[in-house]
């Protein structure tokens, strides 16, 4: 039986997906709220099989 790792909510990224790009005010808001924005380019990378954390530039190592 596989083991499921449950992460604390503080370690789970919040993601906003858009089908094109984001306006400067949206980017500024996302930075203040610690949101990860996924635009068309990042969505294509994810669709091509890249791990979500790699697409978002999140370090996956657990210390």
Protein backbone atom coordinates (compact mmCIF):
# COMPACT_ATOMS: atom_id res chain seq x y z
CA UNK A 1 0.00 0.00 0.00
CA UNK A 2 1.47 3.42 -0.96
CA UNK A 3 2.30 5.90 1.75
CA UNK A 4 0.66 9.30 1.50
CA UNK A 5 2.61 12.33 2.68
CA UNK A 6 0.39 15.07 4.05
CA UNK A 7 2.05 18.47 4.12
CA UNK A 8 1.13 21.26 6.51
CA UNK A 9 -1.04 23.90 4.79
CA UNK A 10 1.81 26.40 5.10
CA UNK A 11 3.91 24.26 2.73
CA UNK A 12 1.25 23.80 0.03
CA UNK A 13 1.56 26.48 -2.67
CA UNK A 14 -1.42 28.56 -3.74
CA UNK A 15 -1.66 28.68 -7.52
CA UNK A 16 -3.61 30.93 -9.90
CA UNK A 17 -3.90 29.74 -13.50
CA UNK A 18 -4.51 32.08 -16.43
CA UNK A 19 -4.77 31.18 -20.08
CA UNK A 20 -2.72 34.12 -21.28
CA UNK A 21 -0.74 36.51 -19.09
CA UNK A 22 -1.32 38.60 -15.98
CA UNK A 23 -1.57 42.36 -15.61
CA UNK A 24 1.01 44.24 -13.54
CA UNK A 25 -1.52 44.84 -10.72
CA UNK A 26 -2.33 41.12 -10.67
CA UNK A 27 1.36 40.23 -10.43
CA UNK A 28 1.87 42.75 -7.62
CA UNK A 29 -1.14 41.35 -5.74
CA UNK A 30 0.09 37.78 -6.20
CA UNK A 31 3.51 38.67 -4.83
CA UNK A 32 1.98 40.26 -1.73
CA UNK A 33 -0.28 37.24 -1.18
CA UNK A 34 2.46 34.66 -1.91
CA UNK A 35 0.53 33.25 -4.89
CA UNK A 36 2.17 31.45 -7.78
CA UNK A 37 0.90 32.59 -11.17
CA UNK A 38 0.73 30.06 -14.01
CA UNK A 39 0.55 31.76 -17.38
CA UNK A 40 0.31 30.21 -20.84
CA UNK A 41 4.03 29.36 -20.97
CA UNK A 42 4.08 27.69 -17.56
CA UNK A 43 0.83 25.87 -18.30
CA UNK A 44 2.39 24.48 -21.49
CA UNK A 45 5.44 23.28 -19.53
CA UNK A 46 3.15 21.55 -17.02
CA UNK A 47 1.18 20.00 -19.86
CA UNK A 48 4.41 18.74 -21.37
CA UNK A 49 5.02 16.68 -18.24
CA UNK A 50 7.16 18.94 -16.06
CA UNK A 51 6.47 18.60 -12.33
CA UNK A 52 4.38 21.49 -10.98
CA UNK A 53 7.05 22.48 -8.47
CA UNK A 54 9.64 22.66 -11.26
CA UNK A 55 7.31 24.85 -13.31
CA UNK A 56 6.80 27.16 -10.33
CA UNK A 57 10.47 27.17 -9.32
CA UNK A 58 9.76 25.61 -5.92
CA UNK A 59 12.49 23.59 -4.19
CA UNK A 60 11.12 20.07 -3.61
CA UNK A 61 13.78 19.00 -1.12
CA UNK A 62 12.57 18.43 2.41
CA UNK A 63 14.95 19.37 5.20
